[in-house]
All heavy atoms as atom14 arrays in JSON, in Angstrom:
{
  "sequence": "GRPDMAPFKFTRAILAGEPIDVYNHGHHQRDFTFVADVAE",
  "atom14_mask": [
    [1, 1, 1, 1, 0, 0, 0, 0, 0, 0, 0, 0, 0, 0],
    [1, 1, 1, 1, 1, 1, 1, 1, 1, 1, 1, 0, 0, 0],
    [1, 1, 1, 1, 1, 1, 1, 0, 0, 0, 0, 0, 0, 0],
    [1, 1, 1, 1, 1, 1, 1, 1, 0, 0, 0, 0, 0, 0],
    [1, 1, 1, 1, 1, 1, 1, 1, 0, 0, 0, 0, 0, 0],
    [1, 1, 1, 1, 1, 0, 0, 0, 0, 0, 0, 0, 0, 0],
    [1, 1, 1, 1, 1, 1, 1, 0, 0, 0, 0, 0, 0, 0],
    [1, 1, 1, 1, 1, 1, 1, 1, 1, 1, 1, 0, 0, 0],
    [1, 1, 1, 1, 1, 1, 1, 1, 1, 0, 0, 0, 0, 0],
    [1, 1, 1, 1, 1, 1, 1, 1, 1, 1, 1, 0, 0, 0],
    [1, 1, 1, 1, 1, 1, 1, 0, 0, 0, 0, 0, 0, 0],
    [1, 1, 1, 1, 1, 1, 1, 1, 1, 1, 1, 0, 0, 0],
    [1, 1, 1, 1, 1, 0, 0, 0, 0, 0, 0, 0, 0, 0],
    [1, 1, 1, 1, 1, 1, 1, 1, 0, 0, 0, 0, 0, 0],
    [1, 1, 1, 1, 1, 1, 1, 1, 0, 0, 0, 0, 0, 0],
    [1, 1, 1, 1, 1, 0, 0, 0, 0, 0, 0, 0, 0, 0],
    [1, 1, 1, 1, 0, 0, 0, 0, 0, 0, 0, 0, 0, 0],
    [1, 1, 1, 1, 1, 1, 1, 1, 1, 0, 0, 0, 0, 0],
    [1, 1, 1, 1, 1, 1, 1, 0, 0, 0, 0, 0, 0, 0],
    [1, 1, 1, 1, 1, 1, 1, 1, 0, 0, 0, 0, 0, 0],
    [1, 1, 1, 1, 1, 1, 1, 1, 0, 0, 0, 0, 0, 0],
    [1, 1, 1, 1, 1, 1, 1, 0, 0, 0, 0, 0, 0, 0],
    [1, 1, 1, 1, 1, 1, 1, 1, 1, 1, 1, 1, 0, 0],
    [1, 1, 1, 1, 1, 1, 1, 1, 0, 0, 0, 0, 0, 0],
    [1, 1, 1, 1, 1, 1, 1, 1, 1, 1, 0, 0, 0, 0],
    [1, 1, 1, 1, 0, 0, 0, 0, 0, 0, 0, 0, 0, 0],
    [1, 1, 1, 1, 1, 1, 1, 1, 1, 1, 0, 0, 0, 0],
    [1, 1, 1, 1, 1, 1, 1, 1, 1, 1, 0, 0, 0, 0],
    [1, 1, 1, 1, 1, 1, 1, 1, 1, 0, 0, 0, 0, 0],
    [1, 1, 1, 1, 1, 1, 1, 1, 1, 1, 1, 0, 0, 0],
    [1, 1, 1, 1, 1, 1, 1, 1, 0, 0, 0, 0, 0, 0],
    [1, 1, 1, 1, 1, 1, 1, 1, 1, 1, 1, 0, 0, 0],
    [1, 1, 1, 1, 1, 1, 1, 0, 0, 0, 0, 0, 0, 0],
    [1, 1, 1, 1, 1, 1, 1, 1, 1, 1, 1, 0, 0, 0],
    [1, 1, 1, 1, 1, 1, 1, 0, 0, 0, 0, 0, 0, 0],
    [1, 1, 1, 1, 1, 0, 0, 0, 0, 0, 0, 0, 0, 0],
    [1, 1, 1, 1, 1, 1, 1, 1, 0, 0, 0, 0, 0, 0],
    [1, 1, 1, 1, 1, 1, 1, 0, 0, 0, 0, 0, 0, 0],
    [1, 1, 1, 1, 1, 0, 0, 0, 0, 0, 0, 0, 0, 0],
    [1, 1, 1, 1, 1, 1, 1, 1, 1, 0, 0, 0, 0, 0]
  ],
  "atom14_positions": [
    [[41.86, 78.0, 91.25], [42.5, 78.0, 92.56], [41.83, 77.11, 93.58], [40.77, 76.53, 93.35], [0.0, 0.0, 0.0], [0.0, 0.0, 0.0], [0.0, 0.0, 0.0], [0.0, 0.0, 0.0], [0.0, 0.0, 0.0], [0.0, 0.0, 0.0], [0.0, 0.0, 0.0], [0.0, 0.0, 0.0], [0.0, 0.0, 0.0], [0.0, 0.0, 0.0]],
    [[42.47, 77.02, 94.75], [41.99, 76.15, 95.82], [40.92, 76.84, 96.64], [41.08, 77.99, 97.06], [43.16, 75.77, 96.75], [44.06, 74.73, 96.19], [45.08, 74.19, 97.16], [45.07, 74.71, 98.5], [46.14, 75.16, 99.15], [47.31, 75.2, 98.54], [46.05, 75.58, 100.39], [0.0, 0.0, 0.0], [0.0, 0.0, 0.0], [0.0, 0.0, 0.0]],
    [[39.83, 76.12, 96.96], [38.74, 76.72, 97.73], [39.11, 77.06, 99.17], [38.38, 77.82, 99.82], [37.66, 75.63, 97.71], [37.95, 74.81, 96.5], [39.44, 74.81, 96.39], [0.0, 0.0, 0.0], [0.0, 0.0, 0.0], [0.0, 0.0, 0.0], [0.0, 0.0, 0.0], [0.0, 0.0, 0.0], [0.0, 0.0, 0.0], [0.0, 0.0, 0.0]],
    [[40.21, 76.51, 99.7], [40.59, 76.8, 101.08], [41.46, 78.04, 101.19], [41.81, 78.45, 102.3], [41.34, 75.61, 101.69], [42.64, 75.31, 100.97], [42.64, 75.32, 99.71], [43.65, 75.07, 101.64], [0.0, 0.0, 0.0], [0.0, 0.0, 0.0], [0.0, 0.0, 0.0], [0.0, 0.0, 0.0], [0.0, 0.0, 0.0], [0.0, 0.0, 0.0]],
    [[41.8, 78.67, 100.06], [42.67, 79.84, 100.1], [41.86, 81.13, 100.06], [40.72, 81.17, 99.57], [43.67, 79.79, 98.94], [44.63, 78.62, 99.05], [45.91, 78.62, 97.78], [46.91, 80.02, 98.32], [0.0, 0.0, 0.0], [0.0, 0.0, 0.0], [0.0, 0.0, 0.0], [0.0, 0.0, 0.0], [0.0, 0.0, 0.0], [0.0, 0.0, 0.0]],
    [[42.47, 82.2, 100.56], [41.75, 83.46, 100.76], [41.08, 84.01, 99.49], [39.9, 84.4, 99.56], [42.69, 84.51, 101.35], [0.0, 0.0, 0.0], [0.0, 0.0, 0.0], [0.0, 0.0, 0.0], [0.0, 0.0, 0.0], [0.0, 0.0, 0.0], [0.0, 0.0, 0.0], [0.0, 0.0, 0.0], [0.0, 0.0, 0.0], [0.0, 0.0, 0.0]],
    [[41.74, 84.07, 98.33], [41.06, 84.64, 97.16], [39.75, 83.93, 96.84], [38.73, 84.57, 96.54], [42.08, 84.46, 96.03], [43.39, 84.44, 96.73], [43.15, 83.73, 98.03], [0.0, 0.0, 0.0], [0.0, 0.0, 0.0], [0.0, 0.0, 0.0], [0.0, 0.0, 0.0], [0.0, 0.0, 0.0], [0.0, 0.0, 0.0], [0.0, 0.0, 0.0]],
    [[39.76, 82.6, 96.92], [38.57, 81.8, 96.62], [37.51, 82.01, 97.69], [36.33, 82.25, 97.39], [38.98, 80.32, 96.56], [38.06, 79.44, 95.76], [38.48, 78.92, 94.55], [36.8, 79.11, 96.23], [37.66, 78.08, 93.81], [35.97, 78.28, 95.5], [36.4, 77.76, 94.29], [0.0, 0.0, 0.0], [0.0, 0.0, 0.0], [0.0, 0.0, 0.0]],
    [[37.91, 81.91, 98.97], [36.95, 82.05, 100.06], [36.34, 83.45, 100.08], [35.13, 83.6, 100.29], [37.62, 81.77, 101.4], [38.02, 80.32, 101.61], [38.33, 80.01, 103.06], [39.52, 80.76, 103.57], [39.87, 80.35, 104.95], [0.0, 0.0, 0.0], [0.0, 0.0, 0.0], [0.0, 0.0, 0.0], [0.0, 0.0, 0.0], [0.0, 0.0, 0.0]],
    [[37.16, 84.46, 99.87], [36.66, 85.84, 99.87], [35.68, 86.06, 98.72], [34.6, 86.67, 98.91], [37.82, 86.83, 99.75], [38.69, 86.92, 100.97], [39.85, 87.7, 100.95], [38.39, 86.25, 102.14], [40.66, 87.8, 102.06], [39.2, 86.33, 103.27], [40.34, 87.12, 103.22], [0.0, 0.0, 0.0], [0.0, 0.0, 0.0], [0.0, 0.0, 0.0]],
    [[36.02, 85.57, 97.54], [35.14, 85.76, 96.39], [33.79, 85.1, 96.6], [32.73, 85.7, 96.34], [35.82, 85.21, 95.12], [37.02, 85.95, 94.87], [34.91, 85.3, 93.91], [0.0, 0.0, 0.0], [0.0, 0.0, 0.0], [0.0, 0.0, 0.0], [0.0, 0.0, 0.0], [0.0, 0.0, 0.0], [0.0, 0.0, 0.0], [0.0, 0.0, 0.0]],
    [[33.82, 83.87, 97.08], [32.58, 83.15, 97.34], [31.71, 83.89, 98.34], [30.49, 84.04, 98.15], [32.9, 81.75, 97.83], [31.67, 80.88, 98.11], [32.09, 79.43, 98.34], [33.15, 79.33, 99.34], [33.94, 78.28, 99.49], [33.85, 77.24, 98.66], [34.87, 78.26, 100.43], [0.0, 0.0, 0.0], [0.0, 0.0, 0.0], [0.0, 0.0, 0.0]],
    [[32.32, 84.37, 99.43], [31.56, 85.05, 100.48], [31.01, 86.39, 100.0], [29.85, 86.74, 100.28], [32.43, 85.24, 101.71], [0.0, 0.0, 0.0], [0.0, 0.0, 0.0], [0.0, 0.0, 0.0], [0.0, 0.0, 0.0], [0.0, 0.0, 0.0], [0.0, 0.0, 0.0], [0.0, 0.0, 0.0], [0.0, 0.0, 0.0], [0.0, 0.0, 0.0]],
    [[31.81, 87.15, 99.29], [31.35, 88.46, 98.81], [30.16, 88.29, 97.88], [29.15, 89.02, 97.99], [32.51, 89.2, 98.1], [33.59, 89.59, 99.12], [31.99, 90.44, 97.37], [34.87, 90.12, 98.48], [0.0, 0.0, 0.0], [0.0, 0.0, 0.0], [0.0, 0.0, 0.0], [0.0, 0.0, 0.0], [0.0, 0.0, 0.0], [0.0, 0.0, 0.0]],
    [[30.22, 87.34, 96.97], [29.1, 87.11, 96.05], [27.85, 86.62, 96.77], [26.73, 86.88, 96.33], [29.51, 86.12, 94.96], [30.51, 86.64, 93.93], [30.96, 85.51, 93.0], [29.89, 87.77, 93.11], [0.0, 0.0, 0.0], [0.0, 0.0, 0.0], [0.0, 0.0, 0.0], [0.0, 0.0, 0.0], [0.0, 0.0, 0.0], [0.0, 0.0, 0.0]],
    [[28.06, 85.92, 97.89], [26.92, 85.41, 98.67], [26.41, 86.42, 99.69], [25.44, 86.15, 100.4], [27.32, 84.12, 99.38], [0.0, 0.0, 0.0], [0.0, 0.0, 0.0], [0.0, 0.0, 0.0], [0.0, 0.0, 0.0], [0.0, 0.0, 0.0], [0.0, 0.0, 0.0], [0.0, 0.0, 0.0], [0.0, 0.0, 0.0], [0.0, 0.0, 0.0]],
    [[27.07, 87.57, 99.78], [26.67, 88.58, 100.75], [27.01, 88.19, 102.18], [26.36, 88.67, 103.13], [0.0, 0.0, 0.0], [0.0, 0.0, 0.0], [0.0, 0.0, 0.0], [0.0, 0.0, 0.0], [0.0, 0.0, 0.0], [0.0, 0.0, 0.0], [0.0, 0.0, 0.0], [0.0, 0.0, 0.0], [0.0, 0.0, 0.0], [0.0, 0.0, 0.0]],
    [[28.02, 87.38, 102.35], [28.41, 86.92, 103.68], [29.69, 87.63, 104.12], [30.51, 88.03, 103.29], [28.66, 85.41, 103.66], [27.43, 84.6, 103.28], [27.76, 83.13, 103.04], [28.98, 82.81, 103.02], [26.81, 82.34, 102.85], [0.0, 0.0, 0.0], [0.0, 0.0, 0.0], [0.0, 0.0, 0.0], [0.0, 0.0, 0.0], [0.0, 0.0, 0.0]],
    [[29.89, 87.8, 105.44], [31.12, 88.44, 105.92], [32.33, 87.53, 105.7], [32.21, 86.31, 105.62], [30.85, 88.64, 107.42], [29.83, 87.61, 107.77], [28.98, 87.44, 106.55], [0.0, 0.0, 0.0], [0.0, 0.0, 0.0], [0.0, 0.0, 0.0], [0.0, 0.0, 0.0], [0.0, 0.0, 0.0], [0.0, 0.0, 0.0], [0.0, 0.0, 0.0]],
    [[33.5, 88.14, 105.58], [34.73, 87.38, 105.43], [35.61, 87.61, 106.65], [35.69, 88.72, 107.18], [35.48, 87.76, 104.13], [35.86, 89.25, 104.11], [34.65, 87.42, 102.91], [36.67, 89.66, 102.89], [0.0, 0.0, 0.0], [0.0, 0.0, 0.0], [0.0, 0.0, 0.0], [0.0, 0.0, 0.0], [0.0, 0.0, 0.0], [0.0, 0.0, 0.0]],
    [[36.25, 86.55, 107.11], [37.19, 86.65, 108.22], [38.52, 87.18, 107.7], [39.12, 86.6, 106.79], [37.41, 85.29, 108.88], [36.19, 84.81, 109.65], [35.4, 85.66, 110.1], [36.03, 83.59, 109.79], [0.0, 0.0, 0.0], [0.0, 0.0, 0.0], [0.0, 0.0, 0.0], [0.0, 0.0, 0.0], [0.0, 0.0, 0.0], [0.0, 0.0, 0.0]],
    [[38.97, 88.29, 108.28], [40.22, 88.92, 107.86], [41.17, 88.91, 109.06], [40.99, 89.67, 110.01], [39.98, 90.36, 107.36], [41.28, 90.99, 106.9], [38.95, 90.38, 106.25], [0.0, 0.0, 0.0], [0.0, 0.0, 0.0], [0.0, 0.0, 0.0], [0.0, 0.0, 0.0], [0.0, 0.0, 0.0], [0.0, 0.0, 0.0], [0.0, 0.0, 0.0]],
    [[42.16, 88.04, 109.0], [43.06, 87.86, 110.14], [44.12, 88.96, 110.19], [44.44, 89.59, 109.18], [43.7, 86.48, 110.09], [42.68, 85.38, 110.27], [42.14, 84.72, 109.18], [42.23, 85.04, 111.54], [41.18, 83.71, 109.35], [41.28, 84.04, 111.73], [40.76, 83.38, 110.63], [39.81, 82.41, 110.8], [0.0, 0.0, 0.0], [0.0, 0.0, 0.0]],
    [[44.65, 89.17, 111.39], [45.62, 90.24, 111.65], [45.05, 91.59, 111.23], [45.79, 92.5, 110.88], [46.94, 89.96, 110.92], [48.09, 90.78, 111.45], [48.12, 91.13, 112.63], [49.04, 91.11, 110.6], [0.0, 0.0, 0.0], [0.0, 0.0, 0.0], [0.0, 0.0, 0.0], [0.0, 0.0, 0.0], [0.0, 0.0, 0.0], [0.0, 0.0, 0.0]],
    [[43.71, 91.68, 111.26], [42.99, 92.91, 110.89], [43.36, 93.39, 109.49], [43.2, 94.56, 109.16], [43.26, 94.02, 111.93], [42.85, 93.63, 113.33], [41.55, 93.71, 113.78], [43.57, 93.11, 114.35], [41.49, 93.28, 115.03], [42.7, 92.91, 115.41], [0.0, 0.0, 0.0], [0.0, 0.0, 0.0], [0.0, 0.0, 0.0], [0.0, 0.0, 0.0]],
    [[43.86, 92.45, 108.67], [44.16, 92.76, 107.28], [45.44, 93.53, 107.06], [45.72, 93.98, 105.95], [0.0, 0.0, 0.0], [0.0, 0.0, 0.0], [0.0, 0.0, 0.0], [0.0, 0.0, 0.0], [0.0, 0.0, 0.0], [0.0, 0.0, 0.0], [0.0, 0.0, 0.0], [0.0, 0.0, 0.0], [0.0, 0.0, 0.0], [0.0, 0.0, 0.0]],
    [[46.27, 93.66, 108.11], [47.45, 94.52, 107.99], [48.7, 93.8, 107.49], [49.69, 94.45, 107.19], [47.75, 95.18, 109.34], [46.67, 96.12, 109.8], [46.15, 97.1, 108.97], [46.0, 96.21, 110.97], [45.21, 97.77, 109.63], [45.09, 97.24, 110.84], [0.0, 0.0, 0.0], [0.0, 0.0, 0.0], [0.0, 0.0, 0.0], [0.0, 0.0, 0.0]],
    [[48.68, 92.48, 107.44], [49.88, 91.8, 106.96], [49.94, 91.86, 105.43], [48.93, 92.06, 104.76], [49.93, 90.35, 107.44], [48.75, 89.52, 107.08], [47.65, 89.41, 107.89], [48.49, 88.77, 105.99], [46.76, 88.61, 107.32], [47.24, 88.22, 106.16], [0.0, 0.0, 0.0], [0.0, 0.0, 0.0], [0.0, 0.0, 0.0], [0.0, 0.0, 0.0]],
    [[51.14, 91.69, 104.91], [51.37, 91.73, 103.47], [51.75, 90.34, 102.96], [52.43, 89.59, 103.65], [52.49, 92.72, 103.12], [52.17, 94.15, 103.5], [53.25, 95.1, 103.01], [53.65, 95.06, 101.84], [53.73, 95.95, 103.88], [0.0, 0.0, 0.0], [0.0, 0.0, 0.0], [0.0, 0.0, 0.0], [0.0, 0.0, 0.0], [0.0, 0.0, 0.0]],
    [[51.28, 90.04, 101.76], [51.61, 88.77, 101.13], [52.14, 89.03, 99.72], [51.66, 89.92, 99.01], [50.37, 87.86, 101.06], [49.91, 87.32, 102.39], [50.89, 86.29, 102.92], [50.49, 85.75, 104.22], [50.92, 86.24, 105.38], [51.73, 87.28, 105.41], [50.54, 85.69, 106.52], [0.0, 0.0, 0.0], [0.0, 0.0, 0.0], [0.0, 0.0, 0.0]],
    [[53.11, 88.2, 99.34], [53.7, 88.29, 98.01], [52.87, 87.41, 97.07], [53.28, 86.3, 96.71], [55.15, 87.83, 98.08], [55.95, 88.28, 96.86], [55.33, 88.69, 95.87], [57.19, 88.2, 96.91], [0.0, 0.0, 0.0], [0.0, 0.0, 0.0], [0.0, 0.0, 0.0], [0.0, 0.0, 0.0], [0.0, 0.0, 0.0], [0.0, 0.0, 0.0]],
    [[51.7, 87.91, 96.68], [50.8, 87.15, 95.81], [51.48, 86.9, 94.46], [51.95, 87.83, 93.8], [49.5, 87.91, 95.6], [48.61, 87.95, 96.82], [48.62, 89.05, 97.67], [47.77, 86.89, 97.11], [47.79, 89.09, 98.78], [46.94, 86.92, 98.22], [46.96, 88.02, 99.07], [0.0, 0.0, 0.0], [0.0, 0.0, 0.0], [0.0, 0.0, 0.0]],
    [[51.48, 85.63, 94.04], [52.18, 85.23, 92.81], [51.21, 84.49, 91.9], [50.62, 83.48, 92.3], [53.39, 84.35, 93.16], [54.19, 85.0, 94.15], [54.23, 84.08, 91.92], [0.0, 0.0, 0.0], [0.0, 0.0, 0.0], [0.0, 0.0, 0.0], [0.0, 0.0, 0.0], [0.0, 0.0, 0.0], [0.0, 0.0, 0.0], [0.0, 0.0, 0.0]],
    [[51.06, 84.98, 90.68], [50.07, 84.44, 89.76], [50.47, 83.05, 89.3], [51.64, 82.78, 88.98], [49.91, 85.37, 88.56], [48.7, 85.08, 87.72], [47.42, 85.16, 88.25], [48.84, 84.7, 86.39], [46.3, 84.89, 87.47], [47.74, 84.43, 85.61], [46.46, 84.53, 86.16], [0.0, 0.0, 0.0], [0.0, 0.0, 0.0], [0.0, 0.0, 0.0]],
    [[49.49, 82.16, 89.22], [49.78, 80.74, 89.0], [50.43, 80.46, 87.66], [51.27, 79.55, 87.54], [48.5, 79.9, 89.18], [47.48, 80.2, 88.07], [48.82, 78.42, 89.26], [0.0, 0.0, 0.0], [0.0, 0.0, 0.0], [0.0, 0.0, 0.0], [0.0, 0.0, 0.0], [0.0, 0.0, 0.0], [0.0, 0.0, 0.0], [0.0, 0.0, 0.0]],
    [[50.11, 81.23, 86.63], [50.76, 81.01, 85.32], [52.26, 81.29, 85.4], [53.06, 80.61, 84.76], [50.11, 81.87, 84.26], [0.0, 0.0, 0.0], [0.0, 0.0, 0.0], [0.0, 0.0, 0.0], [0.0, 0.0, 0.0], [0.0, 0.0, 0.0], [0.0, 0.0, 0.0], [0.0, 0.0, 0.0], [0.0, 0.0, 0.0], [0.0, 0.0, 0.0]],
    [[52.63, 82.29, 86.21], [54.05, 82.59, 86.41], [54.74, 81.46, 87.16], [55.9, 81.13, 86.89], [54.21, 83.89, 87.18], [53.8, 85.12, 86.38], [53.74, 85.02, 85.14], [53.54, 86.16, 87.0], [0.0, 0.0, 0.0], [0.0, 0.0, 0.0], [0.0, 0.0, 0.0], [0.0, 0.0, 0.0], [0.0, 0.0, 0.0], [0.0, 0.0, 0.0]],
    [[54.03, 80.89, 88.12], [54.59, 79.77, 88.88], [54.79, 78.57, 87.96], [55.85, 77.92, 87.99], [53.66, 79.41, 90.06], [54.1, 78.11, 90.73], [53.62, 80.55, 91.07], [0.0, 0.0, 0.0], [0.0, 0.0, 0.0], [0.0, 0.0, 0.0], [0.0, 0.0, 0.0], [0.0, 0.0, 0.0], [0.0, 0.0, 0.0], [0.0, 0.0, 0.0]],
    [[53.79, 78.25, 87.14], [53.9, 77.11, 86.23], [55.06, 77.31, 85.25], [55.82, 76.37, 84.98], [52.6, 76.91, 85.47], [0.0, 0.0, 0.0], [0.0, 0.0, 0.0], [0.0, 0.0, 0.0], [0.0, 0.0, 0.0], [0.0, 0.0, 0.0], [0.0, 0.0, 0.0], [0.0, 0.0, 0.0], [0.0, 0.0, 0.0], [0.0, 0.0, 0.0]],
    [[55.21, 78.5, 84.73], [56.32, 78.78, 83.82], [57.66, 78.56, 84.52], [58.59, 77.98, 83.94], [56.23, 80.21, 83.29], [57.3, 80.6, 82.3], [57.2, 79.87, 80.98], [56.09, 79.41, 80.62], [58.23, 79.75, 80.28], [0.0, 0.0, 0.0], [0.0, 0.0, 0.0], [0.0, 0.0, 0.0], [0.0, 0.0, 0.0], [0.0, 0.0, 0.0]]
  ]
}
């Protein structure tokens, strides 16, 4: 995945012990779609 997207940024920060910025206080919903499904 892309380093500028939330899954990548969050994973990097969590492993580094750094805080993550969570916009809209984390209350919005996203229709996360797995990349293999997109490619298919």
